[in-house]
Amino acid sequence: MCEEILPGLFRLKIPLPDSPLKYLNSYVVKGDRKSLIIDTGLNRTECLEAMRTGLETIGVDLEAADLFITHLHADHFGLVTKLATDTSQVYFSRPEKELIESWEGFGAMIAYAGQNGFPEEELQAALDKHPGAKYGSEWIPEMKLLEDGDGICVGNYNFRCVATPGHTMGHICLYEADKKILVAGDHILIDITPNIQCWSDVQNPLKHYLSSLEKVYDLKIDLTLPGHRRLIDSHQVRIDELKRHHSDRLAEVLSILEKGAANAHQVASRMTWDIDCESWDAFPVAQKWFATGEAISHLRYLEEDGKLARKVEGKMTLYGLVK
């Protein structure tokens, strides 16, 4: 499906088979000399066919198109190597590029998950089937790295990069002040909450995410263009909802730990999740992985806020209330 949102600005719905997200919103800005494709879809046939059909419909030639990637996740980045040409500029953020350069596989995450109570063999099996492993990019193209505040001009649009770490540490939005639009990637979504995971004892992605929400709150925005689902008319209303969601989550975690110290996997199993399963045991392993990563992000936030203390018993990390 292809639709023109504003003059020269189009949305292509790129299917994400077997995903509850259903599709990726890829945005295309059509220019006279060069066009810009924002986010790509997975590296699979269904995505490539939908992208090519959409580009043909609006008259955009890949030989005259650059690409901008909001963040590293495979549903946004995976198809980039099928779309980039010798004349393409691929815009990306420095933190995401550094993550690619330092990537040594899922081993460290699996070990950390085990320290937080997640059965390692279950997680390994889930990651072997993860779309990021199956449908990621085949190679990494040369990239033009962007920083917060950098500009991209294409057609009648003058975008400014807004660094919004949280969903990933290098997530970037694009803001067009004159048109009052924000291309939000996965920073703000309308009827689902962006997944904020943590797999480190030193990171605090939820703190970054909440700060990033504040960073865009007062921007003059009439329309927010998210990476998934419906467009957003009022970003401030949605940001207030997201902040309340995480406030409620933090309170829930504290309530769970009133019954005694627990590891992140145990905390996740006792949290409230909007998933159609009768019990935690019935959750698909991938959903347990997302949930545990979310639990760790809230535990780390509360720990850094002085409300929780972390201790290691044997090889297991436990969190408890600070008395």
Protein backbone atom coordinates (compact mmCIF):
# COMPACT_ATOMS: atom_id res chain seq x y z
CA MET A 1 0.00 0.00 0.00
CA CYS A 2 1.23 3.48 -0.89
CA GLU A 3 -0.22 6.81 0.21
CA GLU A 4 0.84 10.44 -0.13
CA ILE A 5 0.81 12.04 3.32
CA LEU A 6 1.98 15.51 2.28
CA PRO A 7 3.13 16.78 -1.12
CA GLY A 8 6.17 14.73 -2.06
CA LEU A 9 6.07 12.64 1.15
CA PHE A 10 4.78 9.09 0.89
CA ARG A 11 4.21 6.13 3.21
CA LEU A 12 4.86 2.60 1.97
CA LYS A 13 3.52 -0.22 4.12
CA ILE A 14 6.17 -2.94 4.00
CA PRO A 15 4.79 -6.29 5.25
CA LEU A 16 6.43 -8.03 8.20
CA PRO A 17 5.21 -11.63 7.85
CA ASP A 18 4.65 -13.59 11.08
CA SER A 19 5.10 -10.44 13.18
CA PRO A 20 2.46 -8.87 15.44
CA LEU A 21 3.66 -5.52 14.09
CA LYS A 22 2.18 -6.55 10.70
CA TYR A 23 4.06 -3.96 8.65
CA LEU A 24 6.76 -1.31 8.69
CA ASN A 25 6.03 2.28 7.72
CA SER A 26 8.72 3.21 5.23
CA TYR A 27 8.59 6.89 4.31
CA VAL A 28 9.79 8.19 0.96
CA VAL A 29 10.53 11.84 0.25
CA LYS A 30 10.56 12.48 -3.48
CA GLY A 31 12.99 15.07 -4.76
CA ASP A 32 13.87 16.40 -8.22
CA ARG A 33 17.43 15.05 -8.25
CA LYS A 34 17.55 12.72 -5.25
CA SER A 35 14.87 11.05 -3.15
CA LEU A 36 15.14 9.70 0.38
CA ILE A 37 13.91 6.33 1.66
CA ILE A 38 13.47 6.22 5.44
CA ASP A 39 13.71 2.66 6.86
CA THR A 40 13.48 -0.45 4.72
CA GLY A 41 11.89 -3.60 6.15
CA LEU A 42 13.40 -7.04 6.62
CA ASN A 43 15.79 -8.66 4.18
CA ARG A 44 13.18 -10.98 2.70
CA THR A 45 11.36 -11.30 -0.59
CA GLU A 46 8.01 -9.98 0.61
CA CYS A 47 9.59 -6.74 1.81
CA LEU A 48 11.67 -6.23 -1.31
CA GLU A 49 8.70 -6.78 -3.62
CA ALA A 50 6.52 -4.34 -1.65
CA MET A 51 9.29 -1.73 -1.64
CA ARG A 52 9.96 -2.02 -5.37
CA THR A 53 6.24 -1.86 -6.18
CA GLY A 54 5.77 1.21 -3.99
CA LEU A 55 8.78 3.03 -5.42
CA GLU A 56 7.62 2.29 -8.96
CA THR A 57 4.14 3.60 -8.14
CA ILE A 58 5.47 6.97 -6.98
CA GLY A 59 8.18 7.15 -9.64
CA VAL A 60 11.31 6.86 -7.50
CA ASP A 61 14.42 5.28 -9.03
CA LEU A 62 16.79 3.52 -6.61
CA GLU A 63 19.72 4.88 -8.64
CA ALA A 64 18.60 8.35 -7.55
CA ALA A 65 17.70 7.59 -3.94
CA ASP A 66 19.50 7.83 -0.60
CA LEU A 67 18.54 5.91 2.52
CA PHE A 68 18.09 7.01 6.13
CA ILE A 69 17.90 4.39 8.89
CA THR A 70 16.33 5.42 12.19
CA HIS A 71 17.91 2.51 14.10
CA LEU A 72 19.61 -0.84 13.77
CA HIS A 73 16.71 -3.29 14.26
CA ALA A 74 16.32 -5.64 11.31
CA ASP A 75 12.79 -4.56 10.40
CA HIS A 76 14.16 -1.05 9.78
CA PHE A 77 17.65 -1.87 8.48
CA GLY A 78 17.66 -5.41 7.07
CA LEU A 79 16.79 -4.59 3.45
CA VAL A 80 19.26 -1.75 3.07
CA THR A 81 21.82 -3.76 1.12
CA LYS A 82 19.20 -4.79 -1.44
CA LEU A 83 18.26 -1.14 -1.98
CA ALA A 84 21.56 0.75 -1.79
CA THR A 85 23.28 1.41 -5.11
CA ASP A 86 26.69 2.75 -6.03
CA THR A 87 25.22 6.25 -6.02
CA SER A 88 23.33 5.93 -2.72
CA GLN A 89 24.18 7.71 0.48
CA VAL A 90 23.20 5.62 3.53
CA TYR A 91 22.62 7.79 6.59
CA PHE A 92 23.09 6.18 9.99
CA SER A 93 23.96 7.13 13.56
CA ARG A 94 27.41 6.73 15.10
CA PRO A 95 26.30 4.67 18.15
CA GLU A 96 24.53 2.15 15.89
CA LYS A 97 27.58 1.90 13.60
CA GLU A 98 29.81 1.32 16.63
CA LEU A 99 27.48 -1.46 17.78
CA ILE A 100 27.83 -3.15 14.39
CA GLU A 101 31.61 -2.85 14.55
CA SER A 102 31.78 -4.34 18.05
CA TRP A 103 29.20 -7.07 17.45
CA GLU A 104 30.41 -10.55 18.38
CA GLY A 105 27.09 -12.37 18.37
CA PHE A 106 24.42 -13.07 20.98
CA GLY A 107 26.76 -14.92 23.35
CA ALA A 108 27.22 -12.09 25.85
CA MET A 109 23.46 -11.38 25.93
CA ILE A 110 22.65 -15.04 26.49
CA ALA A 111 25.12 -15.28 29.38
CA TYR A 112 23.76 -12.08 30.92
CA ALA A 113 20.21 -13.38 30.56
CA GLY A 114 21.27 -16.52 32.41
CA GLN A 115 22.64 -14.40 35.26
CA ASN A 116 19.20 -12.79 35.44
CA GLY A 117 17.32 -16.08 35.66
CA PHE A 118 16.48 -16.74 32.00
CA PRO A 119 17.19 -20.36 30.95
CA GLU A 120 20.06 -19.93 28.51
CA GLU A 121 19.18 -22.89 26.29
CA GLU A 122 15.66 -21.52 25.76
CA LEU A 123 16.98 -18.11 24.78
CA GLN A 124 19.55 -19.58 22.40
CA ALA A 125 16.79 -21.48 20.60
CA ALA A 126 14.65 -18.34 20.34
CA LEU A 127 17.51 -16.20 19.05
CA ASP A 128 18.35 -18.77 16.39
CA LYS A 129 14.87 -18.06 14.95
CA HIS A 130 14.94 -14.31 15.58
CA PRO A 131 14.20 -12.12 12.53
CA GLY A 132 17.36 -10.15 13.20
CA ALA A 133 19.39 -13.31 12.64
CA LYS A 134 17.32 -14.70 9.77
CA TYR A 135 16.51 -11.51 7.86
CA GLY A 136 19.29 -9.06 8.65
CA SER A 137 21.45 -7.32 6.07
CA GLU A 138 23.92 -9.50 4.18
CA TRP A 139 26.69 -6.94 4.38
CA ILE A 140 27.17 -3.46 5.80
CA PRO A 141 27.23 -0.64 3.25
CA GLU A 142 29.41 2.41 3.55
CA MET A 143 27.60 4.89 5.76
CA LYS A 144 27.46 8.62 6.31
CA LEU A 145 27.28 9.02 10.07
CA LEU A 146 24.95 11.62 11.53
CA GLU A 147 24.96 13.45 14.83
CA ASP A 148 22.23 15.21 16.79
CA GLY A 149 21.33 18.44 14.96
CA ASP A 150 22.69 17.45 11.54
CA GLY A 151 20.53 18.35 8.55
CA ILE A 152 19.25 16.42 5.55
CA CYS A 153 17.64 18.36 2.71
CA VAL A 154 15.62 16.55 0.05
CA GLY A 155 12.95 17.93 -2.22
CA ASN A 156 11.04 20.62 -0.31
CA TYR A 157 11.90 19.11 3.06
CA ASN A 158 14.65 20.26 5.42
CA PHE A 159 15.05 17.67 8.16
CA ARG A 160 17.03 17.99 11.37
CA CYS A 161 18.32 14.89 13.13
CA VAL A 162 17.11 14.48 16.70
CA ALA A 163 19.04 11.86 18.69
CA THR A 164 16.53 9.89 20.78
CA PRO A 165 18.34 7.08 22.61
CA GLY A 166 16.21 4.55 24.48
CA HIS A 167 14.63 2.02 22.14
CA THR A 168 18.20 1.66 20.89
CA MET A 169 21.17 3.74 22.00
CA GLY A 170 21.60 5.31 18.56
CA HIS A 171 17.98 5.88 17.59
CA ILE A 172 17.45 9.05 15.52
CA CYS A 173 14.25 10.88 14.57
CA LEU A 174 13.89 13.42 11.76
CA TYR A 175 12.18 16.74 12.47
CA GLU A 176 10.91 19.15 9.82
CA ALA A 177 10.18 22.43 11.57
CA ASP A 178 8.42 24.23 8.70
CA LYS A 179 6.14 21.29 7.89
CA LYS A 180 5.78 20.47 11.63
CA ILE A 181 6.34 16.74 11.16
CA LEU A 182 8.41 14.24 13.12
CA VAL A 183 9.56 10.99 11.54
CA ALA A 184 9.68 9.02 14.77
CA GLY A 185 10.93 5.53 13.95
CA ASP A 186 10.16 3.42 17.02
CA HIS A 187 10.55 6.30 19.48
CA ILE A 188 6.80 7.03 19.64
CA LEU A 189 4.20 4.45 18.59
CA ILE A 190 0.46 4.96 18.77
CA ASP A 191 -1.16 1.84 20.26
CA ILE A 192 1.82 -0.20 21.41
CA THR A 193 4.67 0.83 23.67
CA PRO A 194 8.19 0.83 22.20
CA ASN A 195 10.21 -2.04 23.62
CA ILE A 196 12.84 -0.74 26.04
CA GLN A 197 15.19 -3.61 26.87
CA CYS A 198 18.37 -3.69 28.92
CA TRP A 199 21.05 -6.38 28.82
CA SER A 200 23.82 -4.69 30.80
CA ASP A 201 24.67 -3.81 34.38
CA VAL A 202 25.93 -0.38 33.36
CA GLN A 203 23.30 0.88 30.90
CA ASN A 204 20.05 2.64 31.82
CA PRO A 205 18.01 2.70 28.58
CA LEU A 206 14.72 3.58 30.29
CA LYS A 207 16.30 6.75 31.74
CA HIS A 208 17.54 7.64 28.25
CA TYR A 209 14.15 6.88 26.74
CA LEU A 210 12.20 9.07 29.15
CA SER A 211 14.70 11.89 28.58
CA SER A 212 14.29 11.46 24.83
CA LEU A 213 10.50 11.75 25.18
CA GLU A 214 11.00 15.05 27.00
CA LYS A 215 13.42 16.19 24.30
CA VAL A 216 10.75 16.07 21.58
CA TYR A 217 7.78 17.03 23.77
CA ASP A 218 7.88 20.78 23.12
CA LEU A 219 8.69 20.59 19.41
CA LYS A 220 6.04 22.13 17.18
CA ILE A 221 4.59 18.97 15.62
CA ASP A 222 1.28 18.59 13.82
CA LEU A 223 1.86 15.02 12.63
CA THR A 224 4.11 12.24 13.90
CA LEU A 225 5.13 9.51 11.46
CA PRO A 226 5.90 6.34 13.46
CA GLY A 227 7.70 3.21 12.28
CA HIS A 228 4.62 1.05 12.81
CA ARG A 229 0.83 1.31 12.97
CA ARG A 230 -1.20 4.53 12.61
CA LEU A 231 0.04 8.10 12.25
CA ILE A 232 -0.15 10.22 15.41
CA ASP A 233 -2.03 13.54 15.55
CA SER A 234 -0.93 14.64 19.03
CA HIS A 235 2.55 13.59 20.05
CA GLN A 236 2.21 15.26 23.45
CA VAL A 237 -0.89 13.26 24.37
CA ARG A 238 0.87 10.04 23.35
CA ILE A 239 4.06 10.97 25.22
CA ASP A 240 2.04 11.61 28.38
CA GLU A 241 0.49 8.14 27.97
CA LEU A 242 3.89 6.53 27.52
CA LYS A 243 5.27 8.27 30.59
CA ARG A 244 2.30 7.10 32.67
CA HIS A 245 2.81 3.57 31.37
CA HIS A 246 6.40 3.47 32.57
CA SER A 247 5.51 5.13 35.86
CA ASP A 248 2.92 2.41 36.45
CA ARG A 249 5.47 -0.23 35.45
CA LEU A 250 8.01 1.09 37.94
CA ALA A 251 5.40 1.05 40.70
CA GLU A 252 4.45 -2.52 39.76
CA VAL A 253 8.07 -3.69 40.00
CA LEU A 254 8.43 -2.12 43.45
CA SER A 255 5.21 -3.84 44.53
CA ILE A 256 6.49 -7.21 43.30
CA LEU A 257 9.75 -6.83 45.21
CA GLU A 258 7.91 -6.01 48.44
CA LYS A 259 7.48 -9.79 48.71
CA GLY A 260 11.26 -10.29 48.66
CA ALA A 261 14.30 -10.11 46.39
CA ALA A 262 13.99 -11.71 42.95
CA ASN A 263 15.85 -12.02 39.68
CA ALA A 264 14.68 -10.23 36.54
CA HIS A 265 13.12 -13.32 34.99
CA GLN A 266 11.03 -13.86 38.13
CA VAL A 267 10.01 -10.19 38.18
CA ALA A 268 8.98 -10.36 34.52
CA SER A 269 6.88 -13.46 35.20
CA ARG A 270 4.88 -11.52 37.81
CA MET A 271 4.39 -8.34 35.78
CA THR A 272 1.23 -7.59 33.80
CA TRP A 273 1.56 -8.15 30.05
CA ASP A 274 -0.89 -7.47 27.25
CA ILE A 275 -0.56 -10.84 25.56
CA ASP A 276 -3.18 -13.48 24.90
CA CYS A 277 -1.77 -16.27 27.07
CA GLU A 278 -3.25 -17.87 30.15
CA SER A 279 0.01 -17.89 32.10
CA TRP A 280 3.68 -16.95 31.96
CA ASP A 281 4.54 -20.57 31.13
CA ALA A 282 2.40 -20.29 28.00
CA PHE A 283 4.28 -17.23 26.72
CA PRO A 284 6.35 -17.85 23.55
CA VAL A 285 10.04 -17.82 24.42
CA ALA A 286 10.62 -14.70 22.32
CA GLN A 287 7.97 -12.83 24.32
CA LYS A 288 9.61 -13.97 27.57
CA TRP A 289 12.88 -12.57 26.23
CA PHE A 290 11.31 -9.18 25.44
CA ALA A 291 9.57 -9.15 28.82
CA THR A 292 12.72 -9.99 30.76
CA GLY A 293 14.68 -7.30 28.93
CA GLU A 294 11.92 -4.81 29.77
CA ALA A 295 11.99 -5.93 33.41
CA ILE A 296 15.75 -5.39 33.57
CA SER A 297 15.39 -1.87 32.13
CA HIS A 298 12.92 -0.97 34.91
CA LEU A 299 15.05 -2.65 37.58
CA ARG A 300 18.14 -0.76 36.42
CA TYR A 301 16.21 2.52 36.44
CA LEU A 302 15.03 1.92 40.01
CA GLU A 303 18.50 0.80 41.07
CA GLU A 304 20.12 3.96 39.73
CA ASP A 305 17.33 5.96 41.37
CA GLY A 306 18.35 4.49 44.74
CA LYS A 307 15.17 2.48 45.30
CA LEU A 308 16.63 -0.96 44.62
CA ALA A 309 19.90 -2.70 45.40
CA ARG A 310 21.47 -5.42 43.28
CA LYS A 311 23.36 -8.36 44.72
CA VAL A 312 24.88 -11.50 43.25
CA GLU A 313 24.30 -14.86 44.87
CA GLY A 314 26.39 -17.51 43.17
CA LYS A 315 25.91 -16.69 39.48
CA MET A 316 22.46 -15.15 39.93
CA THR A 317 21.71 -11.42 40.08
CA LEU A 318 18.93 -10.49 42.50
CA TYR A 319 17.20 -7.16 43.10
CA GLY A 320 15.68 -6.08 46.39
CA LEU A 321 14.13 -2.98 47.92
CA VAL A 322 16.40 -0.53 49.69
CA LYS A 323 15.15 -0.41 53.27
